[in-house]
Amino acid sequence: MMKNAKSTGANWSDPDDAPRLTQDWADGADAYRGETLVRRGRPRLAQTKQHVSLRLDPDVVERFKADGPGWQARINDALRKAAGL
């Protein structure tokens, strides 16, 4: 059997050494403006996207990826245009 190439070494600490999580810590986890909870993360879209699995030719994917981040959105735009939407 092969030995793992990566080792956590001496940097690993025992989870029992972790500080106790208190109610004060939990109370500070949420941010409020007045009585309104401040929502974090990406805002919700009016229309969410549907997850699909799609097989494309490698050269097509490489072409869209070559223009940098956002390549999946550009494929979506190209498909919308091709579908006449």
PDB file of N, CA and C in Angstrom:
ATOM      1  N   MET A   1       0.840  -1.177   0.000  1.00  0.00           N
ATOM      2  CA  MET A   1       0.000   0.000   0.000  1.00  0.00           C
ATOM      3  C   MET A   1       0.883   1.237   0.000  1.00  0.00           C
ATOM      4  N   MET A   2       0.490   2.271  -0.753  1.00  0.00           N
ATOM      5  CA  MET A   2       1.289   3.498  -0.855  1.00  0.00           C
ATOM      6  C   MET A   2       1.014   4.404   0.341  1.00  0.00           C
ATOM      7  N   LYS A   3       2.051   5.083   0.762  1.00  0.00           N
ATOM      8  CA  LYS A   3       1.920   6.036   1.861  1.00  0.00           C
ATOM      9  C   LYS A   3       1.390   7.359   1.315  1.00  0.00           C
ATOM     10  N   ASN A   4       0.560   8.046   2.096  1.00  0.00           N
ATOM     11  CA  ASN A   4       0.055   9.352   1.674  1.00  0.00           C
ATOM     12  C   ASN A   4       1.210  10.309   1.447  1.00  0.00           C
ATOM     13  N   ALA A   5       1.133  11.069   0.369  1.00  0.00           N
ATOM     14  CA  ALA A   5       2.190  12.032   0.066  1.00  0.00           C
ATOM     15  C   ALA A   5       2.114  13.233   1.000  1.00  0.00           C
ATOM     16  N   LYS A   6       0.903  13.621   1.390  1.00  0.00           N
ATOM     17  CA  LYS A   6       0.715  14.770   2.259  1.00  0.00           C
ATOM     18  C   LYS A   6       0.515  14.298   3.689  1.00  0.00           C
ATOM     19  N   SER A   7       1.072  15.022   4.599  1.00  0.00           N
ATOM     20  CA  SER A   7       0.882  14.706   6.002  1.00  0.00           C
ATOM     21  C   SER A   7       0.511  15.977   6.738  1.00  0.00           C
ATOM     22  N   THR A   8      -0.376  15.855   7.696  1.00  0.00           N
ATOM     23  CA  THR A   8      -0.744  17.032   8.474  1.00  0.00           C
ATOM     24  C   THR A   8       0.360  17.406   9.446  1.00  0.00           C
ATOM     25  N   GLY A   9       1.223  16.463   9.740  1.00  0.00           N
ATOM     26  CA  GLY A   9       2.376  16.751  10.583  1.00  0.00           C
ATOM     27  C   GLY A   9       1.999  17.285  11.944  1.00  0.00           C
ATOM     28  N   ALA A  10       2.852  18.142  12.484  1.00  0.00           N
ATOM     29  CA  ALA A  10       2.671  18.670  13.835  1.00  0.00           C
ATOM     30  C   ALA A  10       1.663  19.809  13.882  1.00  0.00           C
ATOM     31  N   ASN A  11       1.184  20.278  12.735  1.00  0.00           N
ATOM     32  CA  ASN A  11       0.236  21.390  12.716  1.00  0.00           C
ATOM     33  C   ASN A  11      -1.164  20.981  13.154  1.00  0.00           C
ATOM     34  N   TRP A  12      -1.445  19.704  13.167  1.00  0.00           N
ATOM     35  CA  TRP A  12      -2.781  19.231  13.523  1.00  0.00           C
ATOM     36  C   TRP A  12      -2.988  19.396  15.015  1.00  0.00           C
ATOM     37  N   SER A  13      -4.159  19.894  15.376  1.00  0.00           N
ATOM     38  CA  SER A  13      -4.465  20.023  16.803  1.00  0.00           C
ATOM     39  C   SER A  13      -5.681  19.172  17.126  1.00  0.00           C
ATOM     40  N   ASP A  14      -5.721  18.711  18.352  1.00  0.00           N
ATOM     41  CA  ASP A  14      -6.804  17.862  18.810  1.00  0.00           C
ATOM     42  C   ASP A  14      -8.090  18.679  18.911  1.00  0.00           C
ATOM     43  N   PRO A  15      -9.217  18.228  18.359  1.00  0.00           N
ATOM     44  CA  PRO A  15     -10.468  18.986  18.459  1.00  0.00           C
ATOM     45  C   PRO A  15     -10.878  19.247  19.907  1.00  0.00           C
ATOM     46  N   ASP A  16     -10.406  18.393  20.821  1.00  0.00           N
ATOM     47  CA  ASP A  16     -10.717  18.614  22.235  1.00  0.00           C
ATOM     48  C   ASP A  16     -10.033  19.867  22.764  1.00  0.00           C
ATOM     49  N   ASP A  17      -9.016  20.359  22.045  1.00  0.00           N
ATOM     50  CA  ASP A  17      -8.305  21.576  22.449  1.00  0.00           C
ATOM     51  C   ASP A  17      -9.004  22.836  21.961  1.00  0.00           C
ATOM     52  N   ALA A  18     -10.021  22.680  21.147  1.00  0.00           N
ATOM     53  CA  ALA A  18     -10.728  23.846  20.600  1.00  0.00           C
ATOM     54  C   ALA A  18     -11.464  24.579  21.723  1.00  0.00           C
ATOM     55  N   PRO A  19     -11.573  25.912  21.595  1.00  0.00           N
ATOM     56  CA  PRO A  19     -12.286  26.658  22.633  1.00  0.00           C
ATOM     57  C   PRO A  19     -13.768  26.289  22.645  1.00  0.00           C
ATOM     58  N   ARG A  20     -14.386  26.391  23.793  1.00  0.00           N
ATOM     59  CA  ARG A  20     -15.816  26.100  23.915  1.00  0.00           C
ATOM     60  C   ARG A  20     -16.628  27.186  23.219  1.00  0.00           C
ATOM     61  N   LEU A  21     -17.659  26.761  22.532  1.00  0.00           N
ATOM     62  CA  LEU A  21     -18.562  27.707  21.903  1.00  0.00           C
ATOM     63  C   LEU A  21     -19.652  28.041  22.919  1.00  0.00           C
ATOM     64  N   THR A  22     -19.757  29.313  23.227  1.00  0.00           N
ATOM     65  CA  THR A  22     -20.712  29.753  24.235  1.00  0.00           C
ATOM     66  C   THR A  22     -21.916  30.409  23.573  1.00  0.00           C
ATOM     67  N   GLN A  23     -22.948  30.663  24.360  1.00  0.00           N
ATOM     68  CA  GLN A  23     -24.131  31.349  23.846  1.00  0.00           C
ATOM     69  C   GLN A  23     -23.775  32.765  23.404  1.00  0.00           C
ATOM     70  N   ASP A  24     -22.845  33.424  24.115  1.00  0.00           N
ATOM     71  CA  ASP A  24     -22.409  34.768  23.719  1.00  0.00           C
ATOM     72  C   ASP A  24     -21.797  34.740  22.325  1.00  0.00           C
ATOM     73  N   TRP A  25     -21.003  33.703  22.051  1.00  0.00           N
ATOM     74  CA  TRP A  25     -20.395  33.578  20.724  1.00  0.00           C
ATOM     75  C   TRP A  25     -21.493  33.390  19.672  1.00  0.00           C
ATOM     76  N   ALA A  26     -22.459  32.525  19.933  1.00  0.00           N
ATOM     77  CA  ALA A  26     -23.544  32.256  18.986  1.00  0.00           C
ATOM     78  C   ALA A  26     -24.402  33.496  18.771  1.00  0.00           C
ATOM     79  N   ASP A  27     -24.651  34.257  19.842  1.00  0.00           N
ATOM     80  CA  ASP A  27     -25.461  35.472  19.717  1.00  0.00           C
ATOM     81  C   ASP A  27     -24.797  36.505  18.812  1.00  0.00           C
ATOM     82  N   GLY A  28     -23.477  36.511  18.766  1.00  0.00           N
ATOM     83  CA  GLY A  28     -22.754  37.467  17.928  1.00  0.00           C
ATOM     84  C   GLY A  28     -22.600  37.023  16.486  1.00  0.00           C
ATOM     85  N   ALA A  29     -23.078  35.820  16.154  1.00  0.00           N
ATOM     86  CA  ALA A  29     -22.907  35.287  14.804  1.00  0.00           C
ATOM     87  C   ALA A  29     -23.818  35.958  13.784  1.00  0.00           C
ATOM     88  N   ASP A  30     -25.004  36.386  14.211  1.00  0.00           N
ATOM     89  CA  ASP A  30     -25.939  37.039  13.293  1.00  0.00           C
ATOM     90  C   ASP A  30     -25.835  38.551  13.442  1.00  0.00           C
ATOM     91  N   ALA A  31     -25.911  39.244  12.301  1.00  0.00           N
ATOM     92  CA  ALA A  31     -25.868  40.707  12.323  1.00  0.00           C
ATOM     93  C   ALA A  31     -27.280  41.249  12.120  1.00  0.00           C
ATOM     94  N   TYR A  32     -27.636  42.235  12.886  1.00  0.00           N
ATOM     95  CA  TYR A  32     -28.964  42.846  12.799  1.00  0.00           C
ATOM     96  C   TYR A  32     -28.839  44.339  12.560  1.00  0.00           C
ATOM     97  N   ARG A  33     -29.771  44.892  11.800  1.00  0.00           N
ATOM     98  CA  ARG A  33     -29.974  46.338  11.683  1.00  0.00           C
ATOM     99  C   ARG A  33     -31.315  46.603  12.321  1.00  0.00           C
ATOM    100  N   GLY A  34     -31.292  47.135  13.523  1.00  0.00           N
ATOM    101  CA  GLY A  34     -32.534  47.241  14.275  1.00  0.00           C
ATOM    102  C   GLY A  34     -32.980  45.842  14.616  1.00  0.00           C
ATOM    103  N   GLU A  35     -34.174  45.476  14.190  1.00  0.00           N
ATOM    104  CA  GLU A  35     -34.678  44.123  14.440  1.00  0.00           C
ATOM    105  C   GLU A  35     -34.641  43.252  13.188  1.00  0.00           C
ATOM    106  N   THR A  36     -34.049  43.783  12.102  1.00  0.00           N
ATOM    107  CA  THR A  36     -33.998  43.053  10.843  1.00  0.00           C
ATOM    108  C   THR A  36     -32.671  42.319  10.706  1.00  0.00           C
ATOM    109  N   LEU A  37     -32.742  41.010  10.449  1.00  0.00           N
ATOM    110  CA  LEU A  37     -31.555  40.204  10.234  1.00  0.00           C
ATOM    111  C   LEU A  37     -30.914  40.599   8.908  1.00  0.00           C
ATOM    112  N   VAL A  38     -29.614  40.878   8.924  1.00  0.00           N
ATOM    113  CA  VAL A  38     -28.887  41.221   7.700  1.00  0.00           C
ATOM    114  C   VAL A  38     -28.556  39.922   6.986  1.00  0.00           C
ATOM    115  N   ARG A  39     -29.075  39.762   5.764  1.00  0.00           N
ATOM    116  CA  ARG A  39     -28.836  38.554   4.986  1.00  0.00           C
ATOM    117  C   ARG A  39     -27.484  38.649   4.318  1.00  0.00           C
ATOM    118  N   ARG A  40     -26.739  37.568   4.377  1.00  0.00           N
ATOM    119  CA  ARG A  40     -25.405  37.523   3.778  1.00  0.00           C
ATOM    120  C   ARG A  40     -25.427  36.654   2.539  1.00  0.00           C
ATOM    121  N   GLY A  41     -24.423  36.827   1.714  1.00  0.00           N
ATOM    122  CA  GLY A  41     -24.296  35.981   0.530  1.00  0.00           C
ATOM    123  C   GLY A  41     -24.930  36.618  -0.689  1.00  0.00           C
ATOM    124  N   ARG A  42     -25.025  35.833  -1.716  1.00  0.00           N
ATOM    125  CA  ARG A  42     -25.561  36.289  -2.991  1.00  0.00           C
ATOM    126  C   ARG A  42     -27.060  36.527  -2.869  1.00  0.00           C
ATOM    127  N   PRO A  43     -27.543  37.646  -3.412  1.00  0.00           N
ATOM    128  CA  PRO A  43     -28.995  37.880  -3.361  1.00  0.00           C
ATOM    129  C   PRO A  43     -29.742  36.824  -4.180  1.00  0.00           C
ATOM    130  N   ARG A  44     -30.938  36.515  -3.751  1.00  0.00           N
ATOM    131  CA  ARG A  44     -31.741  35.529  -4.473  1.00  0.00           C
ATOM    132  C   ARG A  44     -32.194  36.096  -5.811  1.00  0.00           C
ATOM    133  N   LEU A  45     -32.200  35.238  -6.807  1.00  0.00           N
ATOM    134  CA  LEU A  45     -32.650  35.626  -8.140  1.00  0.00           C
ATOM    135  C   LEU A  45     -34.162  35.482  -8.243  1.00  0.00           C
ATOM    136  N   ALA A  46     -34.769  36.319  -9.066  1.00  0.00           N
ATOM    137  CA  ALA A  46     -36.210  36.209  -9.295  1.00  0.00           C
ATOM    138  C   ALA A  46     -36.523  34.862  -9.949  1.00  0.00           C
ATOM    139  N   GLN A  47     -35.658  34.432 -10.852  1.00  0.00           N
ATOM    140  CA  GLN A  47     -35.827  33.143 -11.516  1.00  0.00           C
ATOM    141  C   GLN A  47     -34.518  32.374 -11.353  1.00  0.00           C
ATOM    142  N   THR A  48     -34.543  31.288 -10.587  1.00  0.00           N
ATOM    143  CA  THR A  48     -33.328  30.510 -10.371  1.00  0.00           C
ATOM    144  C   THR A  48     -33.029  29.660 -11.601  1.00  0.00           C
ATOM    145  N   LYS A  49     -31.776  29.279 -11.711  1.00  0.00           N
ATOM    146  CA  LYS A  49     -31.358  28.459 -12.847  1.00  0.00           C
ATOM    147  C   LYS A  49     -31.568  26.989 -12.512  1.00  0.00           C
ATOM    148  N   GLN A  50     -31.725  26.190 -13.537  1.00  0.00           N
ATOM    149  CA  GLN A  50     -31.927  24.755 -13.383  1.00  0.00           C
ATOM    150  C   GLN A  50     -30.604  24.055 -13.618  1.00  0.00           C
ATOM    151  N   HIS A  51     -30.253  23.139 -12.733  1.00  0.00           N
ATOM    152  CA  HIS A  51     -29.012  22.392 -12.878  1.00  0.00           C
ATOM    153  C   HIS A  51     -29.221  21.268 -13.888  1.00  0.00           C
ATOM    154  N   VAL A  52     -28.336  21.193 -14.878  1.00  0.00           N
ATOM    155  CA  VAL A  52     -28.382  20.122 -15.875  1.00  0.00           C
ATOM    156  C   VAL A  52     -26.968  19.600 -16.100  1.00  0.00           C
ATOM    157  N   SER A  53     -26.890  18.414 -16.613  1.00  0.00           N
ATOM    158  CA  SER A  53     -25.613  17.841 -17.019  1.00  0.00           C
ATOM    159  C   SER A  53     -25.598  17.857 -18.536  1.00  0.00           C
ATOM    160  N   LEU A  54     -24.568  18.456 -19.103  1.00  0.00           N
ATOM    161  CA  LEU A  54     -24.517  18.648 -20.547  1.00  0.00           C
ATOM    162  C   LEU A  54     -23.129  18.280 -21.045  1.00  0.00           C
ATOM    163  N   ARG A  55     -23.064  17.469 -22.069  1.00  0.00           N
ATOM    164  CA  ARG A  55     -21.765  17.087 -22.628  1.00  0.00           C
ATOM    165  C   ARG A  55     -21.498  17.938 -23.868  1.00  0.00           C
ATOM    166  N   LEU A  56     -20.372  18.649 -23.844  1.00  0.00           N
ATOM    167  CA  LEU A  56     -19.983  19.514 -24.946  1.00  0.00           C
ATOM    168  C   LEU A  56     -18.619  19.093 -25.469  1.00  0.00           C
ATOM    169  N   ASP A  57     -18.345  19.429 -26.724  1.00  0.00           N
ATOM    170  CA  ASP A  57     -17.037  19.135 -27.285  1.00  0.00           C
ATOM    171  C   ASP A  57     -15.968  19.932 -26.539  1.00  0.00           C
ATOM    172  N   PRO A  58     -14.803  19.323 -26.328  1.00  0.00           N
ATOM    173  CA  PRO A  58     -13.735  20.002 -25.582  1.00  0.00           C
ATOM    174  C   PRO A  58     -13.330  21.351 -26.173  1.00  0.00           C
ATOM    175  N   ASP A  59     -13.309  21.457 -27.505  1.00  0.00           N
ATOM    176  CA  ASP A  59     -12.897  22.725 -28.111  1.00  0.00           C
ATOM    177  C   ASP A  59     -13.904  23.842 -27.841  1.00  0.00           C
ATOM    178  N   VAL A  60     -15.181  23.488 -27.719  1.00  0.00           N
ATOM    179  CA  VAL A  60     -16.207  24.484 -27.406  1.00  0.00           C
ATOM    180  C   VAL A  60     -15.992  25.005 -25.982  1.00  0.00           C
ATOM    181  N   VAL A  61     -15.789  24.087 -25.031  1.00  0.00           N
ATOM    182  CA  VAL A  61     -15.569  24.480 -23.648  1.00  0.00           C
ATOM    183  C   VAL A  61     -14.296  25.314 -23.526  1.00  0.00           C
ATOM    184  N   GLU A  62     -13.227  24.881 -24.171  1.00  0.00           N
ATOM    185  CA  GLU A  62     -11.955  25.630 -24.127  1.00  0.00           C
ATOM    186  C   GLU A  62     -12.128  27.040 -24.664  1.00  0.00           C
ATOM    187  N   ARG A  63     -12.913  27.195 -25.719  1.00  0.00           N
ATOM    188  CA  ARG A  63     -13.125  28.524 -26.308  1.00  0.00           C
ATOM    189  C   ARG A  63     -13.831  29.456 -25.326  1.00  0.00           C
ATOM    190  N   PHE A  64     -14.861  28.958 -24.652  1.00  0.00           N
ATOM    191  CA  PHE A  64     -15.577  29.795 -23.685  1.00  0.00           C
ATOM    192  C   PHE A  64     -14.722  30.070 -22.452  1.00  0.00           C
ATOM    193  N   LYS A  65     -13.965  29.073 -21.995  1.00  0.00           N
ATOM    194  CA  LYS A  65     -13.104  29.260 -20.826  1.00  0.00           C
ATOM    195  C   LYS A  65     -11.951  30.223 -21.112  1.00  0.00           C
ATOM    196  N   ALA A  66     -11.537  30.302 -22.367  1.00  0.00           N
ATOM    197  CA  ALA A  66     -10.402  31.155 -22.736  1.00  0.00           C
ATOM    198  C   ALA A  66     -10.674  32.630 -22.455  1.00  0.00           C
ATOM    199  N   ASP A  67     -11.944  33.023 -22.425  1.00  0.00           N
ATOM    200  CA  ASP A  67     -12.300  34.418 -22.158  1.00  0.00           C
ATOM    201  C   ASP A  67     -12.360  34.725 -20.668  1.00  0.00           C
ATOM    202  N   GLY A  68     -12.066  33.715 -19.815  1.00  0.00           N
ATOM    203  CA  GLY A  68     -11.988  33.954 -18.382  1.00  0.00           C
ATOM    204  C   GLY A  68     -13.262  33.610 -17.632  1.00  0.00           C
ATOM    205  N   PRO A  69     -13.323  34.070 -16.367  1.00  0.00           N
ATOM    206  CA  PRO A  69     -14.486  33.747 -15.519  1.00  0.00           C
ATOM    207  C   PRO A  69     -15.793  34.202 -16.158  1.00  0.00           C
ATOM    208  N   GLY A  70     -16.850  33.455 -15.853  1.00  0.00           N
ATOM    209  CA  GLY A  70     -18.163  33.758 -16.421  1.00  0.00           C
ATOM    210  C   GLY A  70     -18.452  32.951 -17.668  1.00  0.00           C
ATOM    211  N   TRP A  71     -17.626  31.940 -17.929  1.00  0.00           N
ATOM    212  CA  TRP A  71     -17.796  31.184 -19.168  1.00  0.00           C
ATOM    213  C   TRP A  71     -19.123  30.432 -19.209  1.00  0.00           C
ATOM    214  N   GLN A  72     -19.618  29.978 -18.070  1.00  0.00           N
ATOM    215  CA  GLN A  72     -20.904  29.272 -18.073  1.00  0.00           C
ATOM    216  C   GLN A  72     -22.049  30.230 -18.403  1.00  0.00           C
ATOM    217  N   ALA A  73     -21.968  31.458 -17.910  1.00  0.00           N
ATOM    218  CA  ALA A  73     -22.991  32.458 -18.231  1.00  0.00           C
ATOM    219  C   ALA A  73     -22.944  32.794 -19.718  1.00  0.00           C
ATOM    220  N   ARG A  74     -21.735  32.835 -20.289  1.00  0.00           N
ATOM    221  CA  ARG A  74     -21.621  33.119 -21.731  1.00  0.00           C
ATOM    222  C   ARG A  74     -22.201  31.980 -22.564  1.00  0.00           C
ATOM    223  N   ILE A  75     -22.021  30.735 -22.112  1.00  0.00           N
ATOM    224  CA  ILE A  75     -22.642  29.605 -22.819  1.00  0.00           C
ATOM    225  C   ILE A  75     -24.157  29.735 -22.720  1.00  0.00           C
ATOM    226  N   ASN A  76     -24.663  30.104 -21.547  1.00  0.00           N
ATOM    227  CA  ASN A  76     -26.108  30.296 -21.370  1.00  0.00           C
ATOM    228  C   ASN A  76     -26.620  31.373 -22.322  1.00  0.00           C
ATOM    229  N   ASP A  77     -25.900  32.488 -22.431  1.00  0.00           N
ATOM    230  CA  ASP A  77     -26.306  33.573 -23.337  1.00  0.00           C
ATOM    231  C   ASP A  77     -26.301  33.108 -24.787  1.00  0.00           C
ATOM    232  N   ALA A  78     -25.294  32.323 -25.165  1.00  0.00           N
ATOM    233  CA  ALA A  78     -25.210  31.810 -26.544  1.00  0.00           C
ATOM    234  C   ALA A  78     -26.377  30.879 -26.827  1.00  0.00           C
ATOM    235  N   LEU A  79     -26.727  30.046 -25.857  1.00  0.00           N
ATOM    236  CA  LEU A  79     -27.860  29.126 -26.049  1.00  0.00           C
ATOM    237  C   LEU A  79     -29.184  29.887 -26.129  1.00  0.00           C
ATOM    238  N   ARG A  80     -29.331  30.916 -25.311  1.00  0.00           N
ATOM    239  CA  ARG A  80     -30.558  31.752 -25.363  1.00  0.00           C
ATOM    240  C   ARG A  80     -30.691  32.391 -26.749  1.00  0.00           C
ATOM    241  N   LYS A  81     -29.566  32.908 -27.247  1.00  0.00           N
ATOM    242  CA  LYS A  81     -29.585  33.560 -28.561  1.00  0.00           C
ATOM    243  C   LYS A  81     -29.913  32.542 -29.659  1.00  0.00           C
ATOM    244  N   ALA A  82     -29.313  31.362 -29.576  1.00  0.00           N
ATOM    245  CA  ALA A  82     -29.555  30.326 -30.589  1.00  0.00           C
ATOM    246  C   ALA A  82     -31.004  29.832 -30.536  1.00  0.00           C
ATOM    247  N   ALA A  83     -31.607  29.862 -29.342  1.00  0.00           N
ATOM    248  CA  ALA A  83     -32.992  29.410 -29.194  1.00  0.00           C
ATOM    249  C   ALA A  83     -33.986  30.534 -29.517  1.00  0.00           C
ATOM    250  N   GLY A  84     -33.477  31.720 -29.794  1.00  0.00           N
ATOM    251  CA  GLY A  84     -34.359  32.850 -30.124  1.00  0.00           C
ATOM    252  C   GLY A  84     -35.065  33.433 -28.921  1.00  0.00           C
ATOM    253  N   LEU A  85     -34.446  33.350 -27.755  1.00  0.00           N
ATOM    254  CA  LEU A  85     -35.059  33.867 -26.526  1.00  0.00           C
ATOM    255  C   LEU A  85     -34.513  35.244 -26.165  1.00  0.00           C
TER     256      LEU A  85
END
